[in-house]
Amino acid sequence: MKTSTKIAMIFFFILLASGHSIEGYHLRNTAIENNRVQVSLKKNENAVVLFYKDDCSDCKAIFDRVMSEKDFVGTNIKLINLNNVKNKHYIGKYNLHYVPTLIVETVK
């Protein structure tokens, strides 16, 4: 085989592998996004809080970006899905009118 053919094959397999990694990351984020667990904010914890609904198109549009900030930059981001009945008390507590909403919170 020619050297150029080998290089092209290696490049192809690298692209294929990175495509699978990106797809896996997106699938993981989708599973997290659709999670409806109850979330509690801990005392004396500084965090960025994302209030979202898993059926909101605007929330879906920013979710991967927020997750990359959380995973790769290390920002402490709490994800609160307001479609969980037990998380709805945050709507009144923070006077939420729209999702997605990001706030910086220091719980005392």
N, C-alpha and C. Protein backbone atom coordinates (compact mmCIF):
# COMPACT_ATOMS: atom_id res chain seq x y z
N MET A 1 0.83 -1.18 0.00
CA MET A 1 0.00 0.00 0.00
C MET A 1 0.88 1.25 0.00
N LYS A 2 0.40 2.24 -0.70
CA LYS A 2 1.11 3.51 -0.75
C LYS A 2 1.00 4.23 0.60
N THR A 3 1.97 5.06 0.88
CA THR A 3 1.98 5.85 2.11
C THR A 3 0.78 6.77 2.18
N SER A 4 0.40 7.38 1.06
CA SER A 4 -0.75 8.29 1.06
C SER A 4 -2.04 7.54 1.35
N THR A 5 -2.15 6.30 0.90
CA THR A 5 -3.33 5.49 1.19
C THR A 5 -3.39 5.16 2.68
N LYS A 6 -2.25 4.81 3.25
CA LYS A 6 -2.20 4.51 4.69
C LYS A 6 -2.59 5.73 5.52
N ILE A 7 -2.07 6.88 5.13
CA ILE A 7 -2.41 8.12 5.85
C ILE A 7 -3.90 8.42 5.74
N ALA A 8 -4.45 8.24 4.55
CA ALA A 8 -5.89 8.47 4.35
C ALA A 8 -6.72 7.51 5.19
N MET A 9 -6.32 6.26 5.29
CA MET A 9 -7.05 5.27 6.09
C MET A 9 -6.97 5.62 7.58
N ILE A 10 -5.78 6.03 8.03
CA ILE A 10 -5.63 6.41 9.45
C ILE A 10 -6.51 7.62 9.75
N PHE A 11 -6.49 8.60 8.88
CA PHE A 11 -7.32 9.79 9.05
C PHE A 11 -8.80 9.43 9.10
N PHE A 12 -9.23 8.53 8.22
CA PHE A 12 -10.63 8.08 8.19
C PHE A 12 -11.02 7.43 9.51
N PHE A 13 -10.16 6.53 10.04
CA PHE A 13 -10.48 5.85 11.28
C PHE A 13 -10.47 6.79 12.48
N ILE A 14 -9.61 7.80 12.45
CA ILE A 14 -9.62 8.81 13.51
C ILE A 14 -10.92 9.59 13.48
N LEU A 15 -11.36 9.98 12.30
CA LEU A 15 -12.64 10.69 12.17
C LEU A 15 -13.81 9.82 12.63
N LEU A 16 -13.77 8.56 12.25
CA LEU A 16 -14.83 7.62 12.64
C LEU A 16 -14.88 7.47 14.15
N ALA A 17 -13.72 7.30 14.77
CA ALA A 17 -13.67 7.14 16.23
C ALA A 17 -14.13 8.40 16.95
N SER A 18 -13.71 9.57 16.47
CA SER A 18 -14.12 10.81 17.13
C SER A 18 -15.62 11.05 16.95
N GLY A 19 -16.15 10.65 15.80
CA GLY A 19 -17.60 10.76 15.59
C GLY A 19 -18.38 9.92 16.57
N HIS A 20 -17.91 8.72 16.85
CA HIS A 20 -18.58 7.85 17.83
C HIS A 20 -18.46 8.44 19.23
N SER A 21 -17.32 9.04 19.54
CA SER A 21 -17.14 9.66 20.86
C SER A 21 -18.10 10.82 21.05
N ILE A 22 -18.22 11.65 20.03
CA ILE A 22 -19.12 12.80 20.11
C ILE A 22 -20.56 12.33 20.24
N GLU A 23 -20.94 11.32 19.48
CA GLU A 23 -22.31 10.79 19.55
C GLU A 23 -22.57 10.20 20.94
N GLY A 24 -21.59 9.49 21.49
CA GLY A 24 -21.73 8.93 22.84
C GLY A 24 -21.90 10.01 23.88
N TYR A 25 -21.13 11.10 23.74
CA TYR A 25 -21.24 12.22 24.67
C TYR A 25 -22.63 12.85 24.58
N HIS A 26 -23.13 13.02 23.38
CA HIS A 26 -24.46 13.60 23.18
C HIS A 26 -25.54 12.69 23.77
N LEU A 27 -25.42 11.38 23.57
CA LEU A 27 -26.41 10.45 24.13
C LEU A 27 -26.39 10.49 25.66
N ARG A 28 -25.20 10.59 26.25
CA ARG A 28 -25.08 10.69 27.69
C ARG A 28 -25.77 11.96 28.18
N ASN A 29 -25.53 13.07 27.49
CA ASN A 29 -26.15 14.34 27.88
C ASN A 29 -27.66 14.27 27.75
N THR A 30 -28.16 13.59 26.73
CA THR A 30 -29.61 13.45 26.55
C THR A 30 -30.20 12.66 27.72
N ALA A 31 -29.51 11.62 28.15
CA ALA A 31 -30.00 10.84 29.30
C ALA A 31 -30.03 11.69 30.56
N ILE A 32 -29.00 12.50 30.76
CA ILE A 32 -28.96 13.39 31.93
C ILE A 32 -30.07 14.44 31.82
N GLU A 33 -30.25 14.99 30.63
CA GLU A 33 -31.26 16.02 30.41
C GLU A 33 -32.66 15.50 30.71
N ASN A 34 -32.93 14.26 30.39
CA ASN A 34 -34.26 13.68 30.58
C ASN A 34 -34.47 13.11 31.98
N ASN A 35 -33.46 13.22 32.82
CA ASN A 35 -33.55 12.73 34.18
C ASN A 35 -34.44 13.66 34.99
N ARG A 36 -35.38 13.08 35.70
CA ARG A 36 -36.33 13.89 36.47
C ARG A 36 -36.18 13.68 37.97
N VAL A 37 -34.95 13.51 38.44
CA VAL A 37 -34.74 13.30 39.87
C VAL A 37 -34.90 14.61 40.63
N GLN A 38 -35.20 14.46 41.91
CA GLN A 38 -35.30 15.64 42.77
C GLN A 38 -33.89 16.14 43.07
N VAL A 39 -33.70 17.44 43.01
CA VAL A 39 -32.38 18.04 43.26
C VAL A 39 -32.49 18.95 44.46
N SER A 40 -31.52 18.82 45.37
CA SER A 40 -31.44 19.70 46.54
C SER A 40 -30.15 20.49 46.45
N LEU A 41 -30.22 21.76 46.76
CA LEU A 41 -29.04 22.59 46.81
C LEU A 41 -28.48 22.52 48.23
N LYS A 42 -27.19 22.20 48.35
CA LYS A 42 -26.56 22.03 49.66
C LYS A 42 -26.19 23.37 50.26
N LYS A 43 -26.15 23.41 51.59
CA LYS A 43 -25.77 24.64 52.30
C LYS A 43 -24.30 24.97 52.03
N ASN A 44 -24.02 26.26 51.94
CA ASN A 44 -22.67 26.78 51.70
C ASN A 44 -22.04 26.23 50.42
N GLU A 45 -22.84 26.03 49.42
CA GLU A 45 -22.34 25.54 48.14
C GLU A 45 -22.51 26.63 47.09
N ASN A 46 -21.43 27.00 46.46
CA ASN A 46 -21.49 27.95 45.36
C ASN A 46 -21.69 27.15 44.08
N ALA A 47 -22.68 27.53 43.31
CA ALA A 47 -22.96 26.78 42.08
C ALA A 47 -23.69 27.67 41.10
N VAL A 48 -23.54 27.32 39.84
CA VAL A 48 -24.39 27.86 38.79
C VAL A 48 -25.53 26.87 38.67
N VAL A 49 -26.75 27.36 38.66
CA VAL A 49 -27.91 26.48 38.60
C VAL A 49 -28.62 26.71 37.28
N LEU A 50 -28.85 25.61 36.56
CA LEU A 50 -29.63 25.67 35.32
C LEU A 50 -31.00 25.09 35.60
N PHE A 51 -32.01 25.93 35.50
CA PHE A 51 -33.39 25.47 35.58
C PHE A 51 -33.86 25.24 34.15
N TYR A 52 -34.37 24.07 33.88
CA TYR A 52 -34.79 23.72 32.53
C TYR A 52 -35.95 22.74 32.59
N LYS A 53 -36.53 22.48 31.44
CA LYS A 53 -37.54 21.44 31.28
C LYS A 53 -37.09 20.56 30.13
N ASP A 54 -37.19 19.25 30.33
CA ASP A 54 -36.68 18.33 29.31
C ASP A 54 -37.49 18.35 28.01
N ASP A 55 -38.65 18.98 28.01
CA ASP A 55 -39.45 19.07 26.78
C ASP A 55 -39.38 20.48 26.16
N CYS A 56 -38.42 21.29 26.60
CA CYS A 56 -38.26 22.67 26.12
C CYS A 56 -37.19 22.71 25.01
N SER A 57 -37.56 23.22 23.85
CA SER A 57 -36.61 23.25 22.72
C SER A 57 -35.44 24.19 22.97
N ASP A 58 -35.67 25.33 23.63
CA ASP A 58 -34.57 26.24 23.94
C ASP A 58 -33.60 25.61 24.95
N CYS A 59 -34.14 24.85 25.88
CA CYS A 59 -33.29 24.16 26.87
C CYS A 59 -32.43 23.12 26.17
N LYS A 60 -33.02 22.37 25.26
CA LYS A 60 -32.27 21.37 24.50
C LYS A 60 -31.16 22.02 23.68
N ALA A 61 -31.42 23.21 23.17
CA ALA A 61 -30.44 23.90 22.33
C ALA A 61 -29.18 24.28 23.10
N ILE A 62 -29.28 24.56 24.40
CA ILE A 62 -28.10 24.97 25.16
C ILE A 62 -27.53 23.86 26.04
N PHE A 63 -28.22 22.74 26.15
CA PHE A 63 -27.84 21.72 27.13
C PHE A 63 -26.44 21.16 26.90
N ASP A 64 -26.08 20.83 25.66
CA ASP A 64 -24.74 20.29 25.40
C ASP A 64 -23.66 21.30 25.75
N ARG A 65 -23.91 22.57 25.49
CA ARG A 65 -22.92 23.61 25.82
C ARG A 65 -22.75 23.72 27.33
N VAL A 66 -23.84 23.67 28.06
CA VAL A 66 -23.77 23.73 29.53
C VAL A 66 -23.03 22.50 30.06
N MET A 67 -23.30 21.34 29.50
CA MET A 67 -22.64 20.11 29.95
C MET A 67 -21.15 20.15 29.64
N SER A 68 -20.76 20.72 28.51
CA SER A 68 -19.33 20.80 28.21
C SER A 68 -18.64 21.75 29.19
N GLU A 69 -19.31 22.80 29.60
CA GLU A 69 -18.77 23.71 30.62
C GLU A 69 -18.60 22.96 31.94
N LYS A 70 -19.58 22.15 32.28
CA LYS A 70 -19.54 21.37 33.51
C LYS A 70 -18.44 20.30 33.46
N ASP A 71 -18.38 19.57 32.36
CA ASP A 71 -17.46 18.44 32.26
C ASP A 71 -16.02 18.83 31.98
N PHE A 72 -15.80 19.78 31.08
CA PHE A 72 -14.45 20.07 30.63
C PHE A 72 -13.80 21.26 31.32
N VAL A 73 -14.58 22.22 31.75
CA VAL A 73 -14.03 23.38 32.44
C VAL A 73 -14.07 23.15 33.96
N GLY A 74 -15.01 22.31 34.40
CA GLY A 74 -15.11 22.00 35.82
C GLY A 74 -15.99 22.92 36.61
N THR A 75 -16.82 23.70 35.93
CA THR A 75 -17.74 24.60 36.61
C THR A 75 -18.76 23.78 37.40
N ASN A 76 -19.03 24.17 38.63
CA ASN A 76 -20.02 23.49 39.45
C ASN A 76 -21.41 23.93 38.98
N ILE A 77 -22.04 23.10 38.18
CA ILE A 77 -23.36 23.42 37.62
C ILE A 77 -24.35 22.39 38.12
N LYS A 78 -25.41 22.87 38.74
CA LYS A 78 -26.51 22.01 39.18
C LYS A 78 -27.60 22.07 38.12
N LEU A 79 -28.11 20.93 37.74
CA LEU A 79 -29.15 20.83 36.72
C LEU A 79 -30.46 20.49 37.40
N ILE A 80 -31.44 21.36 37.25
CA ILE A 80 -32.74 21.14 37.90
C ILE A 80 -33.82 21.12 36.84
N ASN A 81 -34.37 19.93 36.64
CA ASN A 81 -35.44 19.72 35.68
C ASN A 81 -36.77 20.07 36.35
N LEU A 82 -37.40 21.12 35.91
CA LEU A 82 -38.65 21.58 36.53
C LEU A 82 -39.85 20.73 36.14
N ASN A 83 -39.65 19.72 35.31
CA ASN A 83 -40.74 18.79 35.02
C ASN A 83 -40.92 17.77 36.14
N ASN A 84 -40.01 17.74 37.10
CA ASN A 84 -40.17 16.90 38.28
C ASN A 84 -41.01 17.68 39.28
N VAL A 85 -42.09 17.09 39.73
CA VAL A 85 -43.01 17.75 40.67
C VAL A 85 -42.26 18.21 41.93
N LYS A 86 -41.28 17.43 42.38
CA LYS A 86 -40.56 17.77 43.61
C LYS A 86 -39.56 18.91 43.41
N ASN A 87 -39.31 19.31 42.17
CA ASN A 87 -38.43 20.45 41.91
C ASN A 87 -39.22 21.73 41.64
N LYS A 88 -40.53 21.65 41.55
CA LYS A 88 -41.35 22.81 41.19
C LYS A 88 -41.33 23.92 42.25
N HIS A 89 -40.96 23.60 43.49
CA HIS A 89 -40.90 24.65 44.52
C HIS A 89 -39.88 25.73 44.18
N TYR A 90 -38.91 25.39 43.32
CA TYR A 90 -37.91 26.39 42.91
C TYR A 90 -38.54 27.50 42.05
N ILE A 91 -39.65 27.22 41.40
CA ILE A 91 -40.31 28.23 40.57
C ILE A 91 -40.71 29.43 41.44
N GLY A 92 -41.32 29.16 42.59
CA GLY A 92 -41.70 30.24 43.50
C GLY A 92 -40.52 30.82 44.24
N LYS A 93 -39.60 29.97 44.66
CA LYS A 93 -38.45 30.42 45.44
C LYS A 93 -37.60 31.42 44.66
N TYR A 94 -37.40 31.19 43.37
CA TYR A 94 -36.57 32.07 42.55
C TYR A 94 -37.38 32.93 41.58
N ASN A 95 -38.71 32.89 41.71
CA ASN A 95 -39.59 33.69 40.86
C ASN A 95 -39.30 33.45 39.37
N LEU A 96 -39.25 32.18 39.01
CA LEU A 96 -38.92 31.79 37.64
C LEU A 96 -40.14 31.95 36.73
N HIS A 97 -39.92 32.54 35.57
CA HIS A 97 -40.98 32.71 34.59
C HIS A 97 -40.67 32.00 33.28
N TYR A 98 -39.40 31.76 33.01
CA TYR A 98 -38.98 31.18 31.74
C TYR A 98 -37.89 30.14 31.98
N VAL A 99 -37.83 29.19 31.09
CA VAL A 99 -36.69 28.27 31.04
C VAL A 99 -36.13 28.32 29.63
N PRO A 100 -34.85 28.14 29.47
CA PRO A 100 -33.86 27.89 30.51
C PRO A 100 -33.50 29.17 31.26
N THR A 101 -33.20 29.00 32.53
CA THR A 101 -32.74 30.10 33.36
C THR A 101 -31.48 29.65 34.10
N LEU A 102 -30.43 30.44 34.01
CA LEU A 102 -29.19 30.20 34.74
C LEU A 102 -29.06 31.24 35.84
N ILE A 103 -28.73 30.79 37.05
CA ILE A 103 -28.46 31.71 38.14
C ILE A 103 -27.17 31.27 38.84
N VAL A 104 -26.52 32.21 39.50
CA VAL A 104 -25.39 31.90 40.36
C VAL A 104 -25.93 31.90 41.79
N GLU A 105 -25.72 30.80 42.49
CA GLU A 105 -26.32 30.65 43.80
C GLU A 105 -25.28 30.35 44.86
N THR A 106 -25.41 31.02 45.99
CA THR A 106 -24.65 30.68 47.18
C THR A 106 -25.69 30.32 48.22
N VAL A 107 -25.79 29.04 48.54
CA VAL A 107 -26.79 28.57 49.50
C VAL A 107 -26.22 28.75 50.89
N LYS A 108 -26.98 29.38 51.76
CA LYS A 108 -26.53 29.61 53.15
C LYS A 108 -27.41 28.90 54.12
